[in-house]
Protein backbone atom coordinates (compact mmCIF):
# COMPACT_ATOMS: atom_id res chain seq x y z
CA MET A 1 0.00 0.00 0.00
CA SER A 2 1.36 3.38 -0.96
CA GLY A 3 0.29 6.94 -0.31
CA PRO A 4 -0.31 8.54 3.08
CA LEU A 5 -0.48 5.15 4.81
CA ALA A 6 2.72 3.14 4.49
CA PHE A 7 2.97 -0.33 6.04
CA LYS A 8 6.39 -1.77 6.84
CA GLN A 9 7.67 -5.03 5.38
CA GLY A 10 5.99 -8.07 6.86
CA SER A 11 2.50 -6.57 7.11
CA ALA A 12 -0.53 -8.68 6.29
CA ALA A 13 -1.40 -6.82 3.10
CA LYS A 14 -0.89 -9.86 0.86
CA SER A 15 -2.75 -12.30 3.09
CA VAL A 16 -6.08 -10.46 3.31
CA SER A 17 -8.89 -11.64 1.05
CA PRO A 18 -12.07 -9.56 0.89
CA CYS A 19 -15.20 -11.55 1.66
CA PRO A 20 -18.10 -10.79 -0.73
CA CYS A 21 -21.30 -9.64 0.95
CA SER A 22 -23.57 -12.34 -0.37
CA ARG A 23 -26.17 -14.82 0.85
CA ARG A 24 -23.52 -17.50 1.07
CA TYR A 25 -21.34 -15.25 3.24
CA ARG A 26 -24.19 -14.48 5.62
CA ASP A 27 -25.24 -18.12 5.80
CA ALA A 28 -21.72 -19.27 6.70
CA VAL A 29 -21.07 -16.62 9.35
CA ASP A 30 -24.14 -15.78 11.40
CA THR A 31 -22.95 -14.69 14.86
CA PHE A 32 -20.80 -11.63 15.56
CA THR A 33 -19.69 -9.64 18.60
CA GLY A 34 -19.73 -5.88 18.18
CA SER A 35 -19.48 -2.49 19.83
CA TYR A 36 -19.33 1.25 19.24
CA ALA A 37 -16.56 3.67 20.10
CA LYS A 38 -17.39 6.07 22.91
CA THR A 39 -17.06 8.92 20.41
CA PRO A 40 -19.68 8.24 17.70
CA PHE A 41 -18.92 8.77 14.00
CA TRP A 42 -20.17 8.00 10.53
CA ILE A 43 -18.35 5.94 7.91
CA GLY A 44 -18.87 7.45 4.48
CA GLU A 45 -20.93 10.58 3.88
CA GLU A 46 -23.02 12.09 6.67
CA PRO A 47 -26.69 11.13 6.15
CA ASP A 48 -29.65 13.53 6.34
CA PHE A 49 -32.67 12.19 8.21
CA ASP A 50 -34.53 15.52 8.53
CA GLY A 51 -35.89 15.71 4.99
CA PRO A 52 -39.06 14.08 3.61
CA GLY A 53 -39.04 10.37 4.36
CA GLY A 54 -35.83 10.78 6.33
CA ARG A 55 -37.06 8.90 9.37
CA ASP A 56 -37.83 5.86 7.25
CA LYS A 57 -34.18 5.76 6.19
CA ILE A 58 -32.77 5.63 9.73
CA ASN A 59 -32.62 1.86 10.07
CA PRO A 60 -31.56 0.92 6.53
CA VAL A 61 -28.87 3.64 6.45
CA THR A 62 -27.38 3.11 9.92
CA SER A 63 -27.29 -0.67 9.50
CA THR A 64 -25.59 -0.59 6.09
CA VAL A 65 -22.37 -2.60 5.93
CA VAL A 66 -19.75 -0.22 4.55
CA TYR A 67 -16.77 -2.58 4.76
CA HIS A 68 -16.34 -6.29 5.37
CA SER A 69 -13.40 -8.62 5.05
CA ALA A 70 -11.94 -11.86 6.36
CA HIS A 71 -8.50 -13.11 7.27
CA GLY A 72 -7.48 -16.42 8.82
CA GLY A 73 -11.10 -17.31 9.59
CA THR A 74 -11.75 -14.00 11.36
CA PHE A 75 -14.56 -11.89 9.87
CA VAL A 76 -14.95 -8.13 10.37
CA ARG A 77 -17.84 -5.83 9.48
CA MET A 78 -17.93 -2.05 9.73
CA TYR A 79 -21.26 -0.22 9.53
CA ARG A 80 -22.35 3.24 8.42
CA ASP A 81 -23.12 4.28 12.02
CA GLY A 82 -19.59 3.41 13.22
CA CYS A 83 -20.41 -0.01 14.64
CA ILE A 84 -17.71 -2.67 14.25
CA GLU A 85 -18.51 -6.37 14.51
CA VAL A 86 -16.02 -9.23 14.55
CA ARG A 87 -16.19 -13.01 14.60
CA VAL A 88 -13.13 -14.97 15.83
CA PRO A 89 -13.36 -18.77 15.35
CA GLU A 90 -11.40 -19.77 18.46
CA LEU A 91 -13.52 -17.49 20.66
CA GLU A 92 -16.76 -18.72 19.06
CA GLN A 93 -15.70 -22.29 19.78
CA ILE A 94 -15.50 -21.43 23.48
CA LEU A 95 -18.76 -19.45 23.59
CA THR A 96 -20.77 -22.13 21.78
CA ALA A 97 -19.37 -25.10 23.73
CA ALA A 98 -22.07 -27.06 25.54
CA ASN A 99 -20.04 -27.53 28.72
CA LYS A 100 -18.48 -24.07 28.99
CA SER A 101 -18.11 -22.54 32.43
CA PHE A 102 -18.75 -18.94 33.46
CA ASP A 103 -14.99 -18.42 33.54
CA ASP A 104 -14.75 -19.69 29.94
CA SER A 105 -17.43 -17.23 28.83
CA ALA A 106 -15.80 -14.34 30.66
CA ARG A 107 -12.39 -15.06 29.15
CA ALA A 108 -13.83 -15.36 25.65
CA SER A 109 -15.75 -12.10 26.12
CA ALA A 110 -12.54 -10.44 27.30
CA GLY A 111 -10.86 -11.81 24.19
CA TYR A 112 -13.49 -10.15 22.00
CA ALA A 113 -12.98 -6.87 23.88
CA LYS A 114 -9.28 -7.04 22.98
CA HIS A 115 -10.06 -7.61 19.30
CA LEU A 116 -12.46 -4.68 19.15
CA ASN A 117 -10.09 -2.40 21.08
CA VAL A 118 -7.31 -3.19 18.61
CA LEU A 119 -9.63 -2.60 15.64
CA PHE A 120 -10.88 0.77 16.91
CA LEU A 121 -7.35 1.84 17.84
CA CYS A 122 -6.11 0.93 14.35
CA LEU A 123 -8.97 2.90 12.82
CA GLU A 124 -8.08 5.95 14.93
CA ILE A 125 -4.41 5.76 13.89
CA VAL A 126 -5.31 5.37 10.23
CA CYS A 127 -7.79 8.28 10.28
CA LEU A 128 -5.15 10.57 11.72
CA LYS A 129 -2.69 9.46 9.04
CA VAL A 130 -5.00 9.44 6.00
CA GLN A 131 -7.43 12.24 6.85
CA ASN A 132 -5.17 14.17 9.24
CA ALA A 133 -8.27 14.55 11.39
CA ALA A 134 -9.12 13.39 14.90
CA VAL A 135 -12.42 11.76 13.93
CA LEU A 136 -12.14 9.11 16.66
CA SER A 137 -11.11 9.44 20.26
CA HIS A 138 -10.96 5.84 21.35
CA SER A 139 -11.02 4.73 24.97
CA GLU A 140 -10.90 1.14 26.16
CA LEU A 141 -14.01 -0.98 25.64
CA THR A 142 -14.86 -3.49 28.37
CA ILE A 143 -17.11 -6.56 28.49
CA PRO A 144 -20.30 -4.57 29.31
CA ASP A 145 -19.70 -2.59 26.08
CA LEU A 146 -20.05 -5.68 23.87
CA PHE A 147 -23.16 -7.13 22.26
CA ARG A 148 -23.86 -10.35 20.40
CA ALA A 149 -25.59 -10.16 17.02
CA ASN A 150 -27.21 -13.28 15.56
CA TYR A 151 -28.09 -12.98 11.88
CA ARG A 152 -30.82 -15.03 10.25
CA PRO A 153 -29.63 -16.97 7.18
CA GLY A 154 -29.79 -14.86 4.04
CA SER A 155 -30.78 -11.72 5.93
CA THR A 156 -29.12 -8.62 7.35
CA ASP A 157 -31.62 -8.55 10.25
CA ALA A 158 -30.10 -9.49 13.59
CA SER A 159 -31.23 -10.41 17.06
CA GLY A 160 -29.16 -10.08 20.19
CA ASN A 161 -28.66 -8.20 23.44
CA ILE A 162 -28.75 -4.43 24.00
CA CYS A 163 -26.03 -3.01 26.28
CA PHE A 164 -28.27 -1.00 28.61
CA ASP A 165 -25.41 -0.43 31.08
CA SER A 166 -23.17 1.15 28.46
CA HIS A 167 -23.05 4.00 25.93
CA VAL A 168 -23.32 1.23 23.34
CA GLY A 169 -26.97 0.60 24.21
CA ALA A 170 -27.93 4.16 23.24
CA TYR A 171 -26.19 3.84 19.86
CA GLN A 172 -27.80 0.43 19.26
CA GLN A 173 -31.22 1.96 19.84
CA GLY A 174 -30.24 4.77 17.49
CA ARG A 175 -30.92 2.37 14.63
CA MET A 176 -34.59 2.15 15.64
CA GLN A 177 -36.92 4.81 14.29
CA GLY A 178 -39.25 4.52 17.28
CA HIS A 179 -36.52 5.74 19.65
CA TYR A 180 -36.57 9.26 18.18
CA LYS A 181 -38.97 11.96 19.42
CA GLN A 182 -41.62 12.73 16.85
CA GLU A 183 -41.78 16.42 17.76
CA LEU A 184 -38.10 17.05 16.98
CA PRO A 185 -36.02 16.51 13.83
CA PRO A 186 -33.75 13.45 14.14
CA SER A 187 -30.66 15.68 13.86
CA PHE A 188 -31.57 17.16 17.28
CA ASP A 189 -31.13 13.73 18.88
CA MET A 190 -27.74 13.46 20.60
CA ARG A 191 -27.00 10.16 18.86
CA ILE A 192 -27.10 12.00 15.54
CA PHE A 193 -25.87 15.39 16.74
CA LEU A 194 -22.68 13.99 18.30
CA ARG A 195 -21.71 12.49 14.94
CA ARG A 196 -21.91 15.86 13.20
CA ASN A 197 -18.78 16.46 11.09
CA ARG A 198 -17.29 13.20 12.37
CA VAL A 199 -16.96 11.19 9.17
CA VAL A 200 -14.45 8.41 8.51
CA ASP A 201 -13.22 8.05 4.93
CA PRO A 202 -14.21 4.51 3.81
CA ARG A 203 -10.63 4.02 2.57
CA CYS A 204 -9.53 4.02 6.20
CA CYS A 205 -11.55 0.86 6.90
CA GLU A 206 -9.41 -1.41 4.75
CA ALA A 207 -6.20 0.23 5.93
CA ALA A 208 -7.26 -0.28 9.55
CA PHE A 209 -8.09 -3.93 8.85
CA LEU A 210 -4.66 -4.48 7.27
CA CYS A 211 -3.06 -2.95 10.36
CA TYR A 212 -5.17 -5.21 12.59
CA CYS A 213 -4.15 -8.29 10.57
CA ALA A 214 -0.46 -7.38 10.80
CA ILE A 215 -0.77 -7.01 14.58
CA ARG A 216 -2.64 -10.33 14.94
CA LYS A 217 0.25 -12.21 13.37
CA ASP A 218 2.21 -11.70 16.62
CA PRO A 219 0.22 -12.73 19.75
CA ALA A 220 2.53 -10.75 22.06
CA LEU A 221 2.16 -7.62 19.91
CA PHE A 222 -1.62 -8.10 19.86
CA GLN A 223 -1.70 -8.24 23.67
CA ASP A 224 0.51 -5.15 23.90
CA VAL A 225 -1.69 -3.11 21.54
CA SER A 226 -4.70 -4.10 23.64
CA SER A 227 -2.78 -2.90 26.72
CA LEU A 228 -1.96 0.33 24.88
CA SER A 229 -5.69 0.87 24.43
CA LYS A 230 -6.07 0.42 28.19
CA ALA A 231 -3.24 2.93 28.80
CA VAL A 232 -5.03 5.47 26.60
CA GLY A 233 -8.27 4.84 28.51
CA GLU A 234 -6.55 5.40 31.85
CA TYR A 235 -4.99 8.61 30.52
CA LYS A 236 -8.38 9.94 29.43
CA GLY A 237 -9.80 8.90 32.79
CA GLY A 238 -7.21 11.01 34.59
CA ASN A 239 -5.24 8.04 35.94
CA PHE A 240 -1.87 9.23 34.64
CA SER A 241 0.24 7.07 36.92
CA THR A 242 -1.65 3.90 35.97
CA SER A 243 -1.31 4.80 32.31
CA THR A 244 2.44 5.23 32.68
CA VAL A 245 2.81 1.89 34.48
CA LEU A 246 0.96 0.17 31.62
CA CYS A 247 3.29 1.88 29.13
CA TRP A 248 6.27 0.55 31.07
CA PHE A 249 4.90 -3.01 31.05
CA ILE A 250 4.63 -2.79 27.25
CA LEU A 251 8.12 -1.36 26.85
CA GLU A 252 9.66 -3.93 29.19
CA ARG A 253 8.22 -6.82 27.19
CA CYS A 254 9.45 -5.25 23.95
CA LEU A 255 12.94 -4.87 25.44
CA ASN A 256 13.00 -8.52 26.52
CA GLU A 257 11.87 -9.59 23.05
CA ARG A 258 14.62 -7.56 21.37
CA PHE A 259 17.21 -8.87 23.80
CA ALA A 260 16.14 -12.47 23.14
CA ALA A 261 16.45 -11.85 19.39
CA TYR A 262 19.90 -10.31 19.97
CA LEU A 263 21.04 -13.39 21.88
CA GLU A 264 19.88 -15.59 19.01
CA THR A 265 22.33 -13.77 16.72
CA LYS A 266 25.15 -14.79 19.08
CA MET A 267 24.42 -18.50 19.09
CA GLU A 268 27.29 -19.40 16.77
CA THR A 269 29.89 -22.03 17.62
CA LEU A 270 33.43 -21.11 18.65
CA ASP A 271 36.10 -23.83 18.61
CA GLN A 272 33.35 -26.40 18.17
CA LYS A 273 31.67 -25.19 21.34
CA PRO A 274 28.51 -23.06 21.64
CA ARG A 275 29.28 -19.43 22.33
CA ILE A 276 26.28 -19.18 24.65
CA THR A 277 25.90 -22.32 26.69
CA SER A 278 22.67 -23.16 28.50
CA GLU A 279 24.24 -22.04 31.75
CA ARG A 280 25.34 -18.72 30.26
CA ARG A 281 21.94 -18.18 28.67
CA LYS A 282 20.31 -18.78 32.03
CA PHE A 283 22.51 -16.05 33.51
CA LEU A 284 21.88 -13.62 30.61
CA THR A 285 18.12 -14.00 30.96
CA GLY A 286 18.08 -14.11 34.76
CA SER A 287 17.35 -11.51 37.41
CA ALA A 288 20.84 -9.99 37.12
CA PHE A 289 19.87 -8.65 33.69
CA SER A 290 17.17 -6.18 34.68
CA ALA A 291 15.40 -3.93 32.20
CA ALA A 292 17.93 -1.19 33.00
CA VAL A 293 20.84 -3.49 32.08
CA VAL A 294 19.09 -4.86 28.99
CA SER A 295 18.35 -1.39 27.63
CA ASN A 296 22.03 -0.44 28.11
CA VAL A 297 23.17 -3.54 26.23
CA LEU A 298 20.72 -2.95 23.37
CA GLU A 299 21.77 0.68 23.02
CA LEU A 300 25.47 -0.26 22.92
CA ALA A 301 24.63 -2.91 20.32
CA ASP A 302 22.88 -0.22 18.22
CA LEU A 303 19.53 -2.00 18.58
CA LEU A 304 18.15 1.07 20.36
CA THR A 305 18.85 4.65 19.41
CA HIS A 306 20.35 6.81 22.11
CA GLU A 307 17.13 8.85 22.20
CA GLN A 308 15.05 5.69 22.68
CA PHE A 309 17.40 4.58 25.45
CA LEU A 310 16.99 7.89 27.29
CA ARG A 311 13.18 7.87 26.98
CA ILE A 312 12.92 4.24 28.14
CA ASN A 313 15.14 5.02 31.10
CA GLU A 314 12.96 8.03 31.96
CA ILE A 315 9.73 6.01 31.86
CA ARG A 316 11.34 3.23 33.90
CA LYS A 317 12.28 5.72 36.61
CA MET A 318 8.73 7.11 36.59
CA ARG A 319 7.35 3.63 37.06
CA ASN A 320 9.70 3.06 40.02
CA ASP A 321 8.73 6.40 41.57
CA ILE A 322 5.05 5.48 41.23
CA ALA A 323 5.57 2.05 42.81
CA HIS A 324 7.60 3.39 45.73
CA SER A 325 5.80 6.64 46.52
CA LEU A 326 2.22 5.46 45.88
CA LYS A 327 1.28 9.03 45.01
CA ASP A 328 -1.00 10.23 42.24
CA ASP A 329 1.00 13.31 41.29
CA VAL A 330 4.24 11.63 40.13
CA VAL A 331 3.28 11.95 36.45
CA THR A 332 1.91 15.13 34.89
CA VAL A 333 -0.62 15.15 32.06
CA ASP A 334 2.01 16.20 29.52
CA ARG A 335 4.51 13.55 30.60
CA CYS A 336 1.84 10.87 30.48
CA ARG A 337 0.83 11.91 26.96
CA LYS A 338 4.45 11.80 25.81
CA ASN A 339 4.86 8.37 27.41
CA ILE A 340 1.92 7.02 25.40
CA GLU A 341 3.15 8.61 22.18
CA PHE A 342 6.62 7.10 22.62
CA THR A 343 5.21 3.69 23.55
CA ALA A 344 2.90 3.67 20.50
CA ASP A 345 5.78 4.50 18.17
CA PHE A 346 8.15 2.00 19.82
CA LEU A 347 5.50 -0.74 19.70
CA LEU A 348 3.88 -0.13 16.31
CA GLY A 349 6.75 1.43 14.37
CA GLY A 350 7.37 -1.92 12.69
CA VAL A 351 3.76 -2.12 11.44
CA ILE A 352 2.86 1.43 10.44
CA GLU A 353 5.14 4.41 10.02
CA GLY A 354 4.67 7.27 12.45
CA PRO A 355 1.56 6.07 14.34
CA ARG A 356 -0.36 8.88 16.02
CA LEU A 357 -3.16 8.75 18.58
CA ASN A 358 -5.83 11.28 19.46
CA LEU A 359 -4.69 12.23 22.96
CA GLY A 360 -6.54 15.51 23.25
CA LEU A 361 -7.88 15.98 26.75
CA MET A 362 -10.75 18.28 27.70
CA THR A 363 -11.13 19.51 31.26
CA MET A 364 -14.01 21.18 33.05
CA GLY A 365 -13.93 24.98 32.96
CA SER A 366 -14.41 27.33 35.87
């Protein structure tokens, strides 16, 4: 892919096969898990429901599938009203098992939350890169923000639960004409009004899906991006110390992964003996090689830039200060934002060049 969105080598661009929206497709895949971002938006042009017959268009327009694709058995749908639905085979196997426990269901639901968080985060990054506009402002979705949609064979009509304890429930009901006041134009309803001038270019949908597929190829990276979504949510919730600690957890795992890869390059044989014996490897990966030591080694080996080394060291010290002082004012808003920006670039720089997040923060006025 060329243009404003440039994926690095090794992305999933060649392995994605669009799935045609047909009766056969809907028959084969009939159950999805979906959600809405906390900041609502449209995909494609902004509809007008105030004109003649506008109310009758609410359901067919909002429930229109704008983008759909499949990769590795996972199906994704994106709708005109900003809803994203996903179906993951391994999670469906757990949820549909006859002997599943409550713990099984909870873990599978948490797994779906991770998939949707990664998808929405990818869409936010892509919108900022392609449109240079902060259309989305994603915060972490949790299990109460998810709904199940069961589609009848050969139909786009679905049945399922409404998330009454979440913002998602209001947006779900926004597809129903009867949930709008007759005495007011639909555009006066907050579910429509909040989407005003928030329009995602449909081109961003495929780019976001490619990004999601590239991330899914590495389970550890997938988990880290999900944690990054949580760090962003904590930042927007005012928990700057918690957000910074999450950033450090992500960075520490990335450092350990790079160090392990570096050790693999030193596994040659010297004088018919392994350069790194099992005993030496145990020492190199033991407690003596803390994150501080590992980052020093990687910087000296030119596997970290000096600037990256300094920023990682700074975030590590912040994390230690937070753990030892147990105070809420260790990290300022600006430092927390910069921590997230650095972590996003360090984590996703191998997937998409120059990833940016919408980290604008509004506070209450006097």
